[in-house]
PDB file of N, CA and C in Angstrom:
ATOM      1  N   MET A   1      39.355 -46.490  37.145  1.00  0.00           N
ATOM      2  CA  MET A   1      40.587 -45.714  37.124  1.00  0.00           C
ATOM      3  C   MET A   1      40.261 -44.206  36.987  1.00  0.00           C
ATOM      4  N   ASP A   2      40.838 -43.424  37.636  1.00  0.00           N
ATOM      5  CA  ASP A   2      40.694 -41.967  37.628  1.00  0.00           C
ATOM      6  C   ASP A   2      41.185 -41.367  36.266  1.00  0.00           C
ATOM      7  N   PRO A   3      40.425 -40.712  35.426  1.00  0.00           N
ATOM      8  CA  PRO A   3      41.068 -40.282  34.177  1.00  0.00           C
ATOM      9  C   PRO A   3      42.364 -39.475  34.272  1.00  0.00           C
ATOM     10  N   ASN A   4      42.464 -38.748  35.525  1.00  0.00           N
ATOM     11  CA  ASN A   4      43.718 -37.994  35.744  1.00  0.00           C
ATOM     12  C   ASN A   4      44.935 -38.783  35.943  1.00  0.00           C
ATOM     13  N   GLU A   5      44.587 -40.010  36.199  1.00  0.00           N
ATOM     14  CA  GLU A   5      45.715 -40.972  36.649  1.00  0.00           C
ATOM     15  C   GLU A   5      46.213 -41.923  35.479  1.00  0.00           C
ATOM     16  N   VAL A   6      45.426 -41.713  34.330  1.00  0.00           N
ATOM     17  CA  VAL A   6      45.789 -42.557  33.235  1.00  0.00           C
ATOM     18  C   VAL A   6      47.114 -42.117  32.539  1.00  0.00           C
ATOM     19  N   PRO A   7      48.109 -43.034  32.522  1.00  0.00           N
ATOM     20  CA  PRO A   7      49.516 -42.553  31.972  1.00  0.00           C
ATOM     21  C   PRO A   7      49.449 -42.434  30.478  1.00  0.00           C
ATOM     22  N   ASP A   8      50.368 -41.521  29.934  1.00  0.00           N
ATOM     23  CA  ASP A   8      50.429 -41.285  28.605  1.00  0.00           C
ATOM     24  C   ASP A   8      50.691 -42.547  27.700  1.00  0.00           C
ATOM     25  N   ASN A   9      51.379 -43.485  28.272  1.00  0.00           N
ATOM     26  CA  ASN A   9      51.582 -44.717  27.532  1.00  0.00           C
ATOM     27  C   ASN A   9      50.498 -45.827  27.720  1.00  0.00           C
ATOM     28  N   PHE A  10      49.419 -45.456  28.155  1.00  0.00           N
ATOM     29  CA  PHE A  10      48.259 -46.429  28.305  1.00  0.00           C
ATOM     30  C   PHE A  10      47.841 -46.728  26.876  1.00  0.00           C
ATOM     31  N   ASP A  11      47.746 -48.026  26.591  1.00  0.00           N
ATOM     32  CA  ASP A  11      47.373 -48.620  25.310  1.00  0.00           C
ATOM     33  C   ASP A  11      46.073 -49.254  25.333  1.00  0.00           C
ATOM     34  N   PHE A  12      45.026 -48.556  24.708  1.00  0.00           N
ATOM     35  CA  PHE A  12      43.694 -48.967  24.775  1.00  0.00           C
ATOM     36  C   PHE A  12      43.600 -50.492  24.196  1.00  0.00           C
ATOM     37  N   LEU A  13      44.343 -50.710  23.262  1.00  0.00           N
ATOM     38  CA  LEU A  13      44.201 -52.138  22.658  1.00  0.00           C
ATOM     39  C   LEU A  13      44.897 -53.215  23.528  1.00  0.00           C
ATOM     40  N   LEU A  14      46.065 -52.935  23.871  1.00  0.00           N
ATOM     41  CA  LEU A  14      46.802 -54.004  24.727  1.00  0.00           C
ATOM     42  C   LEU A  14      46.239 -54.218  26.153  1.00  0.00           C
ATOM     43  N   ASP A  15      45.658 -53.108  26.593  1.00  0.00           N
ATOM     44  CA  ASP A  15      45.017 -53.191  27.929  1.00  0.00           C
ATOM     45  C   ASP A  15      43.545 -53.516  27.894  1.00  0.00           C
ATOM     46  N   GLY A  16      43.134 -53.994  26.727  1.00  0.00           N
ATOM     47  CA  GLY A  16      41.839 -54.609  26.643  1.00  0.00           C
ATOM     48  C   GLY A  16      40.646 -53.646  26.675  1.00  0.00           C
ATOM     49  N   VAL A  17      40.852 -52.328  26.463  1.00  0.00           N
ATOM     50  CA  VAL A  17      39.640 -51.399  26.536  1.00  0.00           C
ATOM     51  C   VAL A  17      39.002 -51.449  25.154  1.00  0.00           C
ATOM     52  N   ILE A  18      39.772 -51.692  24.052  1.00  0.00           N
ATOM     53  CA  ILE A  18      38.966 -51.748  22.654  1.00  0.00           C
ATOM     54  C   ILE A  18      39.644 -52.862  21.908  1.00  0.00           C
ATOM     55  N   ASP A  19      38.998 -53.352  20.935  1.00  0.00           N
ATOM     56  CA  ASP A  19      39.532 -54.411  20.124  1.00  0.00           C
ATOM     57  C   ASP A  19      39.712 -53.765  18.696  1.00  0.00           C
ATOM     58  N   SER A  20      40.026 -54.546  17.704  1.00  0.00           N
ATOM     59  CA  SER A  20      40.286 -53.937  16.413  1.00  0.00           C
ATOM     60  C   SER A  20      39.112 -53.127  15.723  1.00  0.00           C
ATOM     61  N   PHE A  21      37.829 -53.602  16.054  1.00  0.00           N
ATOM     62  CA  PHE A  21      36.728 -52.846  15.548  1.00  0.00           C
ATOM     63  C   PHE A  21      36.589 -51.531  16.332  1.00  0.00           C
ATOM     64  N   GLY A  22      37.048 -51.537  17.576  1.00  0.00           N
ATOM     65  CA  GLY A  22      36.832 -50.474  18.507  1.00  0.00           C
ATOM     66  C   GLY A  22      37.824 -49.357  18.072  1.00  0.00           C
ATOM     67  N   ILE A  23      38.974 -49.749  17.440  1.00  0.00           N
ATOM     68  CA  ILE A  23      39.878 -48.749  16.915  1.00  0.00           C
ATOM     69  C   ILE A  23      39.191 -47.905  15.867  1.00  0.00           C
ATOM     70  N   LEU A  24      38.448 -48.596  14.896  1.00  0.00           N
ATOM     71  CA  LEU A  24      37.707 -47.925  13.885  1.00  0.00           C
ATOM     72  C   LEU A  24      36.673 -47.032  14.335  1.00  0.00           C
ATOM     73  N   GLU A  25      35.937 -47.463  15.473  1.00  0.00           N
ATOM     74  CA  GLU A  25      34.899 -46.645  16.111  1.00  0.00           C
ATOM     75  C   GLU A  25      35.493 -45.486  16.808  1.00  0.00           C
ATOM     76  N   MET A  26      36.708 -45.707  17.498  1.00  0.00           N
ATOM     77  CA  MET A  26      37.282 -44.599  18.145  1.00  0.00           C
ATOM     78  C   MET A  26      37.802 -43.511  17.214  1.00  0.00           C
ATOM     79  N   VAL A  27      38.403 -43.874  16.057  1.00  0.00           N
ATOM     80  CA  VAL A  27      38.823 -42.997  15.007  1.00  0.00           C
ATOM     81  C   VAL A  27      37.550 -42.126  14.481  1.00  0.00           C
ATOM     82  N   SER A  28      36.533 -42.753  14.149  1.00  0.00           N
ATOM     83  CA  SER A  28      35.354 -42.095  13.737  1.00  0.00           C
ATOM     84  C   SER A  28      34.825 -41.174  14.763  1.00  0.00           C
ATOM     85  N   SER A  29      34.791 -41.587  16.012  1.00  0.00           N
ATOM     86  CA  SER A  29      34.243 -40.706  17.131  1.00  0.00           C
ATOM     87  C   SER A  29      35.181 -39.429  17.369  1.00  0.00           C
ATOM     88  N   ILE A  30      36.411 -39.631  17.233  1.00  0.00           N
ATOM     89  CA  ILE A  30      37.381 -38.557  17.266  1.00  0.00           C
ATOM     90  C   ILE A  30      37.162 -37.582  16.162  1.00  0.00           C
ATOM     91  N   GLU A  31      37.041 -38.058  15.002  1.00  0.00           N
ATOM     92  CA  GLU A  31      36.772 -37.210  13.829  1.00  0.00           C
ATOM     93  C   GLU A  31      35.526 -36.375  13.958  1.00  0.00           C
ATOM     94  N   ASP A  32      34.426 -37.027  14.467  1.00  0.00           N
ATOM     95  CA  ASP A  32      33.183 -36.361  14.555  1.00  0.00           C
ATOM     96  C   ASP A  32      33.242 -35.323  15.796  1.00  0.00           C
ATOM     97  N   GLU A  33      33.905 -35.716  16.892  1.00  0.00           N
ATOM     98  CA  GLU A  33      33.939 -34.831  18.144  1.00  0.00           C
ATOM     99  C   GLU A  33      34.729 -33.660  17.837  1.00  0.00           C
ATOM    100  N   PHE A  34      35.838 -33.759  17.260  1.00  0.00           N
ATOM    101  CA  PHE A  34      36.739 -32.570  16.931  1.00  0.00           C
ATOM    102  C   PHE A  34      36.659 -32.000  15.568  1.00  0.00           C
ATOM    103  N   ARG A  35      35.887 -32.551  14.777  1.00  0.00           N
ATOM    104  CA  ARG A  35      35.530 -32.083  13.311  1.00  0.00           C
ATOM    105  C   ARG A  35      36.802 -31.967  12.580  1.00  0.00           C
ATOM    106  N   ILE A  36      37.529 -33.063  12.681  1.00  0.00           N
ATOM    107  CA  ILE A  36      38.920 -33.176  11.984  1.00  0.00           C
ATOM    108  C   ILE A  36      38.893 -34.412  11.218  1.00  0.00           C
ATOM    109  N   GLN A  37      39.772 -34.545  10.164  1.00  0.00           N
ATOM    110  CA  GLN A  37      39.862 -35.809   9.454  1.00  0.00           C
ATOM    111  C   GLN A  37      41.299 -36.278   9.816  1.00  0.00           C
ATOM    112  N   LEU A  38      41.397 -37.507  10.443  1.00  0.00           N
ATOM    113  CA  LEU A  38      42.609 -38.184  10.687  1.00  0.00           C
ATOM    114  C   LEU A  38      43.312 -38.704   9.361  1.00  0.00           C
ATOM    115  N   ASP A  39      44.456 -38.332   9.290  1.00  0.00           N
ATOM    116  CA  ASP A  39      45.143 -38.768   7.956  1.00  0.00           C
ATOM    117  C   ASP A  39      45.996 -40.121   8.391  1.00  0.00           C
ATOM    118  N   MET A  40      45.354 -41.167   7.996  1.00  0.00           N
ATOM    119  CA  MET A  40      46.001 -42.478   8.456  1.00  0.00           C
ATOM    120  C   MET A  40      47.268 -42.679   7.931  1.00  0.00           C
ATOM    121  N   ALA A  41      47.656 -42.058   6.834  1.00  0.00           N
ATOM    122  CA  ALA A  41      49.089 -42.175   6.234  1.00  0.00           C
ATOM    123  C   ALA A  41      50.050 -41.570   7.043  1.00  0.00           C
ATOM    124  N   THR A  42      49.766 -40.504   7.752  1.00  0.00           N
ATOM    125  CA  THR A  42      50.735 -39.822   8.639  1.00  0.00           C
ATOM    126  C   THR A  42      50.710 -40.270  10.046  1.00  0.00           C
ATOM    127  N   LEU A  43      49.672 -41.090  10.481  1.00  0.00           N
ATOM    128  CA  LEU A  43      49.544 -41.529  11.759  1.00  0.00           C
ATOM    129  C   LEU A  43      50.155 -42.839  11.938  1.00  0.00           C
ATOM    130  N   ASP A  44      51.063 -43.036  12.820  1.00  0.00           N
ATOM    131  CA  ASP A  44      51.825 -44.324  13.005  1.00  0.00           C
ATOM    132  C   ASP A  44      50.759 -45.361  13.497  1.00  0.00           C
ATOM    133  N   ALA A  45      50.668 -46.448  12.840  1.00  0.00           N
ATOM    134  CA  ALA A  45      49.599 -47.431  13.211  1.00  0.00           C
ATOM    135  C   ALA A  45      49.985 -47.959  14.627  1.00  0.00           C
ATOM    136  N   GLU A  46      51.094 -48.136  15.011  1.00  0.00           N
ATOM    137  CA  GLU A  46      51.438 -48.625  16.286  1.00  0.00           C
ATOM    138  C   GLU A  46      51.153 -47.661  17.363  1.00  0.00           C
ATOM    139  N   GLN A  47      50.992 -46.437  17.133  1.00  0.00           N
ATOM    140  CA  GLN A  47      50.776 -45.328  18.085  1.00  0.00           C
ATOM    141  C   GLN A  47      49.301 -44.914  18.244  1.00  0.00           C
ATOM    142  N   ILE A  48      48.479 -45.382  17.295  1.00  0.00           N
ATOM    143  CA  ILE A  48      47.064 -44.939  17.335  1.00  0.00           C
ATOM    144  C   ILE A  48      46.285 -45.350  18.558  1.00  0.00           C
ATOM    145  N   THR A  49      46.661 -46.492  19.201  1.00  0.00           N
ATOM    146  CA  THR A  49      46.004 -46.881  20.368  1.00  0.00           C
ATOM    147  C   THR A  49      46.613 -46.466  21.683  1.00  0.00           C
ATOM    148  N   ILE A  50      47.701 -45.696  21.690  1.00  0.00           N
ATOM    149  CA  ILE A  50      48.357 -45.306  22.863  1.00  0.00           C
ATOM    150  C   ILE A  50      47.988 -43.778  23.114  1.00  0.00           C
ATOM    151  N   LEU A  51      47.455 -43.616  24.397  1.00  0.00           N
ATOM    152  CA  LEU A  51      46.840 -42.311  24.792  1.00  0.00           C
ATOM    153  C   LEU A  51      47.741 -41.154  24.443  1.00  0.00           C
ATOM    154  N   GLY A  52      48.934 -40.985  24.873  1.00  0.00           N
ATOM    155  CA  GLY A  52      49.737 -39.878  24.629  1.00  0.00           C
ATOM    156  C   GLY A  52      50.007 -39.454  23.196  1.00  0.00           C
ATOM    157  N   PRO A  53      50.542 -40.343  22.400  1.00  0.00           N
ATOM    158  CA  PRO A  53      50.740 -40.116  21.031  1.00  0.00           C
ATOM    159  C   PRO A  53      49.377 -39.637  20.235  1.00  0.00           C
ATOM    160  N   LEU A  54      48.278 -40.474  20.536  1.00  0.00           N
ATOM    161  CA  LEU A  54      47.102 -40.208  19.879  1.00  0.00           C
ATOM    162  C   LEU A  54      46.588 -38.744  20.319  1.00  0.00           C
ATOM    163  N   SER A  55      46.653 -38.419  21.578  1.00  0.00           N
ATOM    164  CA  SER A  55      46.272 -37.189  22.054  1.00  0.00           C
ATOM    165  C   SER A  55      46.907 -36.071  21.293  1.00  0.00           C
ATOM    166  N   LEU A  56      48.280 -36.257  21.229  1.00  0.00           N
ATOM    167  CA  LEU A  56      49.142 -35.276  20.670  1.00  0.00           C
ATOM    168  C   LEU A  56      48.842 -35.153  19.145  1.00  0.00           C
ATOM    169  N   TYR A  57      48.625 -36.177  18.483  1.00  0.00           N
ATOM    170  CA  TYR A  57      48.186 -36.160  17.108  1.00  0.00           C
ATOM    171  C   TYR A  57      46.930 -35.380  16.892  1.00  0.00           C
ATOM    172  N   VAL A  58      45.936 -35.707  17.704  1.00  0.00           N
ATOM    173  CA  VAL A  58      44.589 -35.069  17.562  1.00  0.00           C
ATOM    174  C   VAL A  58      44.749 -33.596  17.885  1.00  0.00           C
ATOM    175  N   ALA A  59      45.456 -33.249  18.943  1.00  0.00           N
ATOM    176  CA  ALA A  59      45.698 -31.738  19.220  1.00  0.00           C
ATOM    177  C   ALA A  59      46.356 -31.047  18.093  1.00  0.00           C
ATOM    178  N   GLU A  60      47.353 -31.574  17.541  1.00  0.00           N
ATOM    179  CA  GLU A  60      48.091 -30.916  16.413  1.00  0.00           C
ATOM    180  C   GLU A  60      47.147 -30.884  15.159  1.00  0.00           C
ATOM    181  N   SER A  61      46.373 -31.909  14.901  1.00  0.00           N
ATOM    182  CA  SER A  61      45.411 -31.893  13.790  1.00  0.00           C
ATOM    183  C   SER A  61      44.318 -30.878  13.924  1.00  0.00           C
ATOM    184  N   ALA A  62      43.843 -30.625  15.148  1.00  0.00           N
ATOM    185  CA  ALA A  62      42.822 -29.673  15.409  1.00  0.00           C
ATOM    186  C   ALA A  62      43.475 -28.235  15.250  1.00  0.00           C
ATOM    187  N   LYS A  63      44.613 -28.127  15.825  1.00  0.00           N
ATOM    188  CA  LYS A  63      45.289 -26.782  15.690  1.00  0.00           C
ATOM    189  C   LYS A  63      45.580 -26.404  14.217  1.00  0.00           C
ATOM    190  N   ALA A  64      45.984 -27.444  13.477  1.00  0.00           N
ATOM    191  CA  ALA A  64      46.249 -27.171  11.945  1.00  0.00           C
ATOM    192  C   ALA A  64      45.077 -26.848  11.328  1.00  0.00           C
ATOM    193  N   ASP A  65      44.018 -27.458  11.755  1.00  0.00           N
ATOM    194  CA  ASP A  65      42.597 -27.238  10.996  1.00  0.00           C
ATOM    195  C   ASP A  65      42.120 -25.888  11.345  1.00  0.00           C
ATOM    196  N   LEU A  66      42.273 -25.371  12.556  1.00  0.00           N
ATOM    197  CA  LEU A  66      41.904 -24.077  13.012  1.00  0.00           C
ATOM    198  C   LEU A  66      42.805 -23.061  12.331  1.00  0.00           C
ATOM    199  N   SER A  67      44.070 -23.269  12.065  1.00  0.00           N
ATOM    200  CA  SER A  67      44.881 -22.285  11.510  1.00  0.00           C
ATOM    201  C   SER A  67      44.640 -22.228  10.020  1.00  0.00           C
ATOM    202  N   ALA A  68      44.061 -23.313   9.412  1.00  0.00           N
ATOM    203  CA  ALA A  68      43.703 -23.338   7.961  1.00  0.00           C
ATOM    204  C   ALA A  68      42.324 -22.730   7.737  1.00  0.00           C
ATOM    205  N   GLY A  69      41.718 -22.344   8.902  1.00  0.00           N
ATOM    206  CA  GLY A  69      40.318 -21.787   8.660  1.00  0.00           C
ATOM    207  C   GLY A  69      39.188 -22.737   8.792  1.00  0.00           C
ATOM    208  N   GLY A  70      39.502 -24.041   9.262  1.00  0.00           N
ATOM    209  CA  GLY A  70      38.462 -24.977   9.310  1.00  0.00           C
ATOM    210  C   GLY A  70      37.725 -24.894  10.540  1.00  0.00           C
TER     211      GLY A  70
END
């Protein structure tokens, strides 16, 4: 699948790309790559595996971190 053609509602878990352990690995990788800390209390557990909401959350977290001087 072409990355540019992946829809925002693509669900990594339901579409079989990752399993429950993969979610933990994905979160860890995102935190390392973008040097942010994902706040699991504010992140909707049902949205964490869906590309669009996850991307938006990561972008907002990175922007907030930059604004805070991180």
